[in-house]
Amino acid sequence: MQVDSQHFNELKTYGITPHRLLNDSCLNIYTGAYYLAIAFRKFGRTWQAVGAYNAGFKISETQNQRRLLYSNDVKRIYLTIKKKKSSAISSIHLTKKSEHFY
């Protein structure tokens, strides 16, 4: 996950360095999830919270636009993956159903 450099000073107090985040995938995921959970606590389980994970919590029109741009990108990618997965599952089911007719 991407962990913004603005958090590095705070993370240093826990012994978490940028090097560790890059080389320890579990630590990276837990750390990213921690900051995403903070965003969910502040904004609820919304796309705005997803945007805040990247753009921060500051209340300003500029930050709102940054949150919106980021969350729209994530949402577009998520929906594309979800659609492909749904199509793949549907074709597996169709294949299995057609196998029964042979």
C-alpha atoms as a PDB file:
ATOM      1  CA  MET A   1       0.000   0.000   0.000  1.00  0.00           C
ATOM      2  CA  GLN A   2       1.063   3.570  -0.411  1.00  0.00           C
ATOM      3  CA  VAL A   3       1.942   5.182   2.894  1.00  0.00           C
ATOM      4  CA  ASP A   4       2.338   8.924   2.488  1.00  0.00           C
ATOM      5  CA  SER A   5       5.619  10.445   3.599  1.00  0.00           C
ATOM      6  CA  GLN A   6       3.699  12.927   5.785  1.00  0.00           C
ATOM      7  CA  HIS A   7       3.303  10.021   8.244  1.00  0.00           C
ATOM      8  CA  PHE A   8       6.997   9.132   8.492  1.00  0.00           C
ATOM      9  CA  ASN A   9       7.717  11.215  11.604  1.00  0.00           C
ATOM     10  CA  GLU A  10       4.817   9.627  13.471  1.00  0.00           C
ATOM     11  CA  LEU A  11       5.767   6.154  12.262  1.00  0.00           C
ATOM     12  CA  LYS A  12       9.354   6.672  13.402  1.00  0.00           C
ATOM     13  CA  THR A  13       8.081   6.796  17.011  1.00  0.00           C
ATOM     14  CA  TYR A  14       6.903   3.199  16.497  1.00  0.00           C
ATOM     15  CA  GLY A  15      10.166   2.103  14.916  1.00  0.00           C
ATOM     16  CA  ILE A  16       8.648   2.019  11.433  1.00  0.00           C
ATOM     17  CA  THR A  17      10.938   3.395   8.738  1.00  0.00           C
ATOM     18  CA  PRO A  18      10.362   3.872   5.002  1.00  0.00           C
ATOM     19  CA  HIS A  19      12.857   1.041   4.425  1.00  0.00           C
ATOM     20  CA  ARG A  20      10.816  -1.345   6.588  1.00  0.00           C
ATOM     21  CA  LEU A  21       7.603  -0.340   4.805  1.00  0.00           C
ATOM     22  CA  LEU A  22       9.180  -1.175   1.454  1.00  0.00           C
ATOM     23  CA  ASN A  23      10.686  -4.475   2.565  1.00  0.00           C
ATOM     24  CA  ASP A  24       8.102  -5.898   4.966  1.00  0.00           C
ATOM     25  CA  SER A  25       4.847  -6.403   3.080  1.00  0.00           C
ATOM     26  CA  CYS A  26       2.864  -7.319   6.209  1.00  0.00           C
ATOM     27  CA  LEU A  27       4.010  -4.186   8.031  1.00  0.00           C
ATOM     28  CA  ASN A  28       3.203  -2.151   4.941  1.00  0.00           C
ATOM     29  CA  ILE A  29      -0.352  -3.520   4.709  1.00  0.00           C
ATOM     30  CA  TYR A  30      -1.011  -3.110   8.435  1.00  0.00           C
ATOM     31  CA  THR A  31       0.291   0.460   8.343  1.00  0.00           C
ATOM     32  CA  GLY A  32      -1.752   1.378   5.278  1.00  0.00           C
ATOM     33  CA  ALA A  33      -4.841  -0.242   6.815  1.00  0.00           C
ATOM     34  CA  TYR A  34      -4.258   1.774   9.993  1.00  0.00           C
ATOM     35  CA  TYR A  35      -4.379   5.063   8.085  1.00  0.00           C
ATOM     36  CA  LEU A  36      -7.346   3.907   6.000  1.00  0.00           C
ATOM     37  CA  ALA A  37      -9.181   3.021   9.239  1.00  0.00           C
ATOM     38  CA  ILE A  38      -8.535   6.551  10.513  1.00  0.00           C
ATOM     39  CA  ALA A  39     -10.074   7.907   7.296  1.00  0.00           C
ATOM     40  CA  PHE A  40     -13.100   5.624   7.690  1.00  0.00           C
ATOM     41  CA  ARG A  41     -13.538   6.781  11.283  1.00  0.00           C
ATOM     42  CA  LYS A  42     -13.499  10.405  10.179  1.00  0.00           C
ATOM     43  CA  PHE A  43     -15.569  10.163   6.967  1.00  0.00           C
ATOM     44  CA  GLY A  44     -17.428   6.860   7.360  1.00  0.00           C
ATOM     45  CA  ARG A  45     -17.178   4.006   4.874  1.00  0.00           C
ATOM     46  CA  THR A  46     -17.310   6.348   1.900  1.00  0.00           C
ATOM     47  CA  TRP A  47     -15.333   7.110  -1.230  1.00  0.00           C
ATOM     48  CA  GLN A  48     -14.417  10.409   0.444  1.00  0.00           C
ATOM     49  CA  ALA A  49     -12.595   8.350   3.091  1.00  0.00           C
ATOM     50  CA  VAL A  50     -10.727   6.494   0.346  1.00  0.00           C
ATOM     51  CA  GLY A  51      -9.737   9.871  -1.087  1.00  0.00           C
ATOM     52  CA  ALA A  52      -8.636  11.071   2.342  1.00  0.00           C
ATOM     53  CA  TYR A  53      -6.288   8.086   2.605  1.00  0.00           C
ATOM     54  CA  ASN A  54      -4.320   9.709  -0.201  1.00  0.00           C
ATOM     55  CA  ALA A  55      -5.080  13.436   0.067  1.00  0.00           C
ATOM     56  CA  GLY A  56      -5.388  13.886   3.816  1.00  0.00           C
ATOM     57  CA  PHE A  57      -8.055  15.297   6.095  1.00  0.00           C
ATOM     58  CA  LYS A  58      -7.596  19.040   5.746  1.00  0.00           C
ATOM     59  CA  ILE A  59     -10.895  20.749   5.004  1.00  0.00           C
ATOM     60  CA  SER A  60     -10.393  22.921   1.946  1.00  0.00           C
ATOM     61  CA  GLU A  61     -11.685  22.967  -1.610  1.00  0.00           C
ATOM     62  CA  THR A  62      -8.252  21.977  -2.927  1.00  0.00           C
ATOM     63  CA  GLN A  63      -8.120  18.936  -0.637  1.00  0.00           C
ATOM     64  CA  ASN A  64     -11.713  18.046  -1.480  1.00  0.00           C
ATOM     65  CA  GLN A  65     -10.783  18.026  -5.175  1.00  0.00           C
ATOM     66  CA  ARG A  66      -7.671  15.914  -4.500  1.00  0.00           C
ATOM     67  CA  ARG A  67      -9.776  13.439  -2.489  1.00  0.00           C
ATOM     68  CA  LEU A  68     -12.350  13.285  -5.273  1.00  0.00           C
ATOM     69  CA  LEU A  69      -9.760  12.695  -8.010  1.00  0.00           C
ATOM     70  CA  TYR A  70      -8.029   9.934  -6.065  1.00  0.00           C
ATOM     71  CA  SER A  71     -11.233   8.202  -4.987  1.00  0.00           C
ATOM     72  CA  ASN A  72     -12.618   8.341  -8.536  1.00  0.00           C
ATOM     73  CA  ASP A  73      -9.463   6.595  -9.808  1.00  0.00           C
ATOM     74  CA  VAL A  74      -9.706   3.921  -7.124  1.00  0.00           C
ATOM     75  CA  LYS A  75     -13.435   3.449  -7.723  1.00  0.00           C
ATOM     76  CA  ARG A  76     -12.920   3.115 -11.504  1.00  0.00           C
ATOM     77  CA  ILE A  77     -10.224   0.484 -11.002  1.00  0.00           C
ATOM     78  CA  TYR A  78     -12.303  -1.344  -8.377  1.00  0.00           C
ATOM     79  CA  LEU A  79     -15.391  -1.476 -10.608  1.00  0.00           C
ATOM     80  CA  THR A  80     -13.306  -2.671 -13.577  1.00  0.00           C
ATOM     81  CA  ILE A  81     -11.824  -5.511 -11.516  1.00  0.00           C
ATOM     82  CA  LYS A  82     -15.233  -6.380 -10.088  1.00  0.00           C
ATOM     83  CA  LYS A  83     -16.782  -6.475 -13.579  1.00  0.00           C
ATOM     84  CA  LYS A  84     -13.985  -8.689 -14.946  1.00  0.00           C
ATOM     85  CA  LYS A  85     -14.286 -11.012 -11.962  1.00  0.00           C
ATOM     86  CA  SER A  86     -18.056 -11.228 -12.419  1.00  0.00           C
ATOM     87  CA  SER A  87     -17.620 -11.987 -16.132  1.00  0.00           C
ATOM     88  CA  ALA A  88     -15.033 -14.667 -15.374  1.00  0.00           C
ATOM     89  CA  ILE A  89     -17.295 -16.314 -12.784  1.00  0.00           C
ATOM     90  CA  SER A  90     -20.241 -16.216 -15.208  1.00  0.00           C
ATOM     91  CA  SER A  91     -18.215 -17.918 -17.952  1.00  0.00           C
ATOM     92  CA  ILE A  92     -17.032 -20.583 -15.509  1.00  0.00           C
ATOM     93  CA  HIS A  93     -20.648 -21.283 -14.551  1.00  0.00           C
ATOM     94  CA  LEU A  94     -21.706 -21.401 -18.216  1.00  0.00           C
ATOM     95  CA  THR A  95     -18.845 -23.766 -19.016  1.00  0.00           C
ATOM     96  CA  LYS A  96     -19.760 -26.052 -16.117  1.00  0.00           C
ATOM     97  CA  LYS A  97     -23.439 -26.051 -17.135  1.00  0.00           C
ATOM     98  CA  SER A  98     -22.576 -26.876 -20.744  1.00  0.00           C
ATOM     99  CA  GLU A  99     -20.340 -29.739 -19.585  1.00  0.00           C
ATOM    100  CA  HIS A 100     -23.399 -31.464 -18.141  1.00  0.00           C
ATOM    101  CA  PHE A 101     -25.018 -31.690 -21.580  1.00  0.00           C
ATOM    102  CA  TYR A 102     -22.313 -33.847 -23.194  1.00  0.00           C
END
